[in-house]
Amino acid sequence: MSLQEYRRKRHFTATPEPSGAHRRPRGGTRRLRYVTHKHRARTLHYDFRLEWNGVLLSWAVPKGPSSDPGTRRLAVRVEDHPLDYAKFEGRIPEGEYGAGTVVIWDEGIWRPDDPNVDAALRRGELRFTLDGRRLKGAWVLVRTGLGVAGRSRQAWLLIKRREAAAPSTAGSAAATKSGAPRTPPASAPRTRRRQRRSAAPSGSA
C-alpha cells in the first residue's frame, strides 16, 4: 500500500498534515488503530480510517457512521493516509486539498473477522469489530461495485451489523447475594397478624 497519491495531493510546506515520510512498520500482535475524523471542508463529512499494513485505509462518509443496523451509509474509498494521521487535528489552509477543520470524532481499535484483510478488500466485504469511544460492536464495509460521480473512486456501504441482545439482568439488584428475594412473601404479613390475634388474652375487647 502506497502513500504516493496522498503526498501528490498535498503541499507539506503549507498544510500541517503529516507527510508520512517516516513510515513505521507495525507488525506482530500490536493492536490495530481505528479513527473517525470530523472534517468540515467544503461540505461536512466524516473520514473513517482503519490501520492496515502500515497505513490508514480511508473512506469518506458524507453523513457519518450510524449505529442503527437498518441504516446504510455511503462510504467512498479515498487514498490511504499515514499512520500519524490517526492523531492529527487542525486546520488545512484555503487553497490546499481538503481545506477546512479536522477534529477526531472517535478513536479506538479494530479487529478484522478475517485476518486476511487484503483478500476481504478484494472480495468487497470487510467484516470487523470496533472498540471506540463512540462506535462499538460488529460492522461491515461492503463494496457496491459503483463508481462515484463518474470517477474511479469505489463506493462502499458502512453498516452496523445486528448482534444478539445481551441477557437481561433486570431485577438482579433486588436479590440478595444468595439469590433470595429481599422482601418476604406477600402472605407473610397476614400470617403475622393471625399469630398476634391468637396470642391475645381471651375475652379481650
Protein backbone atom coordinates (compact mmCIF):
# COMPACT_ATOMS: atom_id res chain seq x y z
CA MET A 1 0.00 0.00 0.00
CA SER A 2 1.38 3.35 -1.06
CA LEU A 3 1.13 6.93 0.16
CA GLN A 4 2.04 8.28 -3.28
CA GLU A 5 -1.42 9.67 -4.05
CA TYR A 6 -1.73 11.16 -0.56
CA ARG A 7 1.55 13.04 -0.97
CA ARG A 8 0.82 14.10 -4.55
CA LYS A 9 -2.30 15.99 -3.45
CA ARG A 10 -0.65 17.97 -0.65
CA HIS A 11 1.97 20.70 -0.19
CA PHE A 12 3.57 19.96 3.16
CA THR A 13 5.17 23.38 3.32
CA ALA A 14 1.63 24.78 3.57
CA THR A 15 -0.53 22.15 5.26
CA PRO A 16 0.02 20.98 8.86
CA GLU A 17 -0.95 17.42 7.89
CA PRO A 18 1.73 14.74 8.46
CA SER A 19 3.70 13.74 5.38
CA GLY A 20 4.22 10.15 6.48
CA ALA A 21 7.87 10.47 5.49
CA HIS A 22 8.98 8.21 8.34
CA ARG A 23 6.68 5.27 7.82
CA ARG A 24 6.81 2.95 10.79
CA PRO A 25 6.14 -0.74 10.22
CA ARG A 26 3.70 -2.16 12.75
CA GLY A 27 3.63 -5.91 12.73
CA GLY A 28 3.19 -8.79 15.10
CA THR A 29 0.39 -8.76 17.62
CA ARG A 30 0.07 -4.99 18.05
CA ARG A 31 -3.48 -3.70 18.18
CA LEU A 32 -4.80 -2.03 15.04
CA ARG A 33 -5.86 1.57 15.38
CA TYR A 34 -9.19 2.99 14.26
CA VAL A 35 -10.17 6.66 13.96
CA THR A 36 -13.04 8.72 12.55
CA HIS A 37 -12.30 12.36 11.74
CA LYS A 38 -14.99 15.02 11.51
CA HIS A 39 -13.91 17.07 8.51
CA ARG A 40 -15.57 20.41 7.96
CA ALA A 41 -14.33 21.07 4.44
CA ARG A 42 -16.38 22.46 1.51
CA THR A 43 -19.06 20.09 2.78
CA LEU A 44 -19.12 18.47 6.20
CA HIS A 45 -18.26 14.77 6.15
CA TYR A 46 -16.58 12.11 8.26
CA ASP A 47 -13.39 10.23 7.40
CA PHE A 48 -13.41 6.61 8.58
CA ARG A 49 -9.93 5.07 8.92
CA LEU A 50 -8.62 1.59 9.75
CA GLU A 51 -4.95 0.77 10.25
CA TRP A 52 -3.58 -1.93 7.98
CA ASN A 53 -0.11 -2.72 6.59
CA GLY A 54 1.47 0.48 7.85
CA VAL A 55 -1.17 2.92 6.57
CA LEU A 56 -4.70 4.06 7.40
CA LEU A 57 -7.24 2.67 4.95
CA SER A 58 -9.67 5.55 4.47
CA TRP A 59 -13.28 6.12 3.45
CA ALA A 60 -15.18 9.42 3.28
CA VAL A 61 -18.63 9.01 4.85
CA PRO A 62 -20.81 12.03 3.90
CA LYS A 63 -23.47 11.52 6.58
CA GLY A 64 -21.22 9.90 9.18
CA PRO A 65 -21.44 6.39 10.67
CA SER A 66 -24.77 5.21 12.05
CA SER A 67 -25.16 2.70 14.89
CA ASP A 68 -28.60 1.73 13.57
CA PRO A 69 -28.28 -1.66 11.79
CA GLY A 70 -31.11 -0.64 9.48
CA THR A 71 -29.19 2.37 8.14
CA ARG A 72 -26.60 2.07 5.36
CA ARG A 73 -24.10 4.87 4.97
CA LEU A 74 -22.30 5.63 1.72
CA ALA A 75 -18.53 5.35 2.24
CA VAL A 76 -16.29 6.48 -0.61
CA ARG A 77 -12.85 4.87 -0.66
CA VAL A 78 -10.15 7.54 -0.76
CA GLU A 79 -6.37 7.46 -0.71
CA ASP A 80 -4.54 5.71 2.12
CA HIS A 81 -3.28 8.05 4.85
CA PRO A 82 -0.12 7.78 7.00
CA LEU A 83 -0.40 6.31 10.48
CA ASP A 84 0.49 9.69 12.00
CA TYR A 85 -2.85 10.97 10.71
CA ALA A 86 -4.60 8.98 13.45
CA LYS A 87 -3.67 11.75 15.91
CA PHE A 88 -3.99 14.70 13.53
CA GLU A 89 -6.28 17.61 14.33
CA GLY A 90 -6.00 21.07 12.83
CA ARG A 91 -6.99 23.47 10.08
CA ILE A 92 -5.98 22.82 6.48
CA PRO A 93 -5.43 26.22 4.80
CA GLU A 94 -7.59 27.55 1.99
CA GLY A 95 -6.26 26.55 -1.41
CA GLU A 96 -4.97 23.23 -0.11
CA TYR A 97 -6.59 19.87 -0.78
CA GLY A 98 -9.34 19.24 1.80
CA ALA A 99 -9.20 22.80 3.16
CA GLY A 100 -11.10 23.10 6.41
CA THR A 101 -11.10 21.95 10.03
CA VAL A 102 -10.29 18.38 11.02
CA VAL A 103 -11.03 17.01 14.51
CA ILE A 104 -11.04 13.49 15.94
CA TRP A 105 -14.68 12.42 16.36
CA ASP A 106 -13.95 8.87 17.54
CA GLU A 107 -10.93 6.63 18.04
CA GLY A 108 -10.03 3.23 19.39
CA ILE A 109 -9.02 -0.13 17.99
CA TRP A 110 -10.47 -2.53 15.44
CA ARG A 111 -10.30 -6.29 14.86
CA PRO A 112 -10.95 -7.89 11.46
CA ASP A 113 -13.11 -11.02 11.43
CA ASP A 114 -10.89 -12.46 8.68
CA PRO A 115 -7.17 -11.96 9.37
CA ASN A 116 -6.59 -11.78 5.60
CA VAL A 117 -7.79 -8.20 5.26
CA ASP A 118 -6.33 -7.81 1.76
CA ALA A 119 -8.42 -10.74 0.49
CA ALA A 120 -11.53 -9.31 2.18
CA LEU A 121 -10.96 -5.96 0.45
CA ARG A 122 -10.58 -7.69 -2.91
CA ARG A 123 -13.84 -9.56 -2.30
CA GLY A 124 -15.51 -6.29 -1.41
CA GLU A 125 -16.73 -7.29 2.05
CA LEU A 126 -14.73 -6.39 5.13
CA ARG A 127 -16.24 -7.53 8.44
CA PHE A 128 -14.77 -6.23 11.68
CA THR A 129 -15.35 -5.21 15.29
CA LEU A 130 -14.84 -1.70 16.60
CA ASP A 131 -13.91 -0.73 20.14
CA GLY A 132 -14.03 3.06 20.04
CA ARG A 133 -15.25 5.76 22.39
CA ARG A 134 -18.45 6.20 20.35
CA LEU A 135 -18.65 3.27 17.96
CA LYS A 136 -18.51 -0.31 19.19
CA GLY A 137 -19.50 -3.78 18.11
CA ALA A 138 -19.74 -5.59 14.78
CA TRP A 139 -19.61 -3.66 11.49
CA VAL A 140 -19.14 -4.36 7.78
CA LEU A 141 -17.93 -2.42 4.76
CA VAL A 142 -19.48 -3.67 1.51
CA ARG A 143 -18.36 -2.53 -1.94
CA THR A 144 -21.27 -1.66 -4.21
CA GLY A 145 -19.40 -2.01 -7.50
CA LEU A 146 -20.35 1.53 -8.49
CA GLY A 147 -18.06 4.46 -9.12
CA VAL A 148 -18.75 7.87 -7.61
CA ALA A 149 -19.64 10.85 -9.79
CA GLY A 150 -18.07 9.24 -12.84
CA ARG A 151 -14.73 8.92 -11.09
CA SER A 152 -12.72 5.81 -10.33
CA ARG A 153 -13.30 6.02 -6.58
CA GLN A 154 -15.06 3.00 -5.18
CA ALA A 155 -18.41 3.32 -3.45
CA TRP A 156 -18.86 1.19 -0.34
CA LEU A 157 -21.55 0.95 2.32
CA LEU A 158 -20.71 1.19 6.02
CA ILE A 159 -23.23 -0.84 8.03
CA LYS A 160 -23.63 -1.70 11.70
CA ARG A 161 -24.22 -5.47 11.90
CA ARG A 162 -27.03 -6.86 14.02
CA GLU A 163 -25.88 -8.59 17.18
CA ALA A 164 -27.65 -10.87 19.64
CA ALA A 165 -29.02 -8.94 22.61
CA ALA A 166 -27.22 -9.47 25.90
CA PRO A 167 -29.17 -11.48 28.52
CA SER A 168 -31.40 -9.21 30.61
CA THR A 169 -30.25 -8.53 34.16
CA ALA A 170 -33.50 -6.82 35.17
CA GLY A 171 -34.34 -7.46 38.79
CA SER A 172 -30.91 -8.74 39.77
CA ALA A 173 -30.37 -5.76 42.07
CA ALA A 174 -33.44 -6.79 44.08
CA ALA A 175 -31.90 -10.12 45.03
CA THR A 176 -29.54 -10.91 47.86
CA LYS A 177 -26.16 -12.49 47.27
CA SER A 178 -27.74 -15.92 47.76
CA GLY A 179 -30.40 -15.13 45.16
CA ALA A 180 -33.26 -14.97 47.70
CA PRO A 181 -35.64 -12.00 47.48
CA ARG A 182 -35.03 -9.15 49.91
CA THR A 183 -38.75 -8.79 50.79
CA PRO A 184 -40.87 -11.50 52.44
CA PRO A 185 -43.70 -13.19 50.51
CA ALA A 186 -46.95 -11.22 50.29
CA SER A 187 -48.68 -13.70 52.61
CA ALA A 188 -46.21 -13.15 55.45
CA PRO A 189 -47.84 -10.01 56.97
CA ARG A 190 -51.23 -11.81 57.08
CA THR A 191 -49.60 -14.75 58.88
CA ARG A 192 -48.10 -12.43 61.48
CA ARG A 193 -51.48 -10.79 62.10
CA ARG A 194 -53.10 -14.20 62.68
CA GLN A 195 -50.34 -15.06 65.13
CA ARG A 196 -50.92 -11.81 67.08
CA ARG A 197 -54.68 -12.41 67.28
CA SER A 198 -54.22 -15.97 68.50
CA ALA A 199 -51.81 -14.73 71.20
CA ALA A 200 -54.26 -12.10 72.55
CA PRO A 201 -55.87 -12.88 76.03
CA SER A 202 -59.30 -14.48 75.76
CA GLY A 203 -62.18 -12.12 76.43
CA SER A 204 -60.24 -9.02 75.43
CA ALA A 205 -62.17 -6.28 73.67
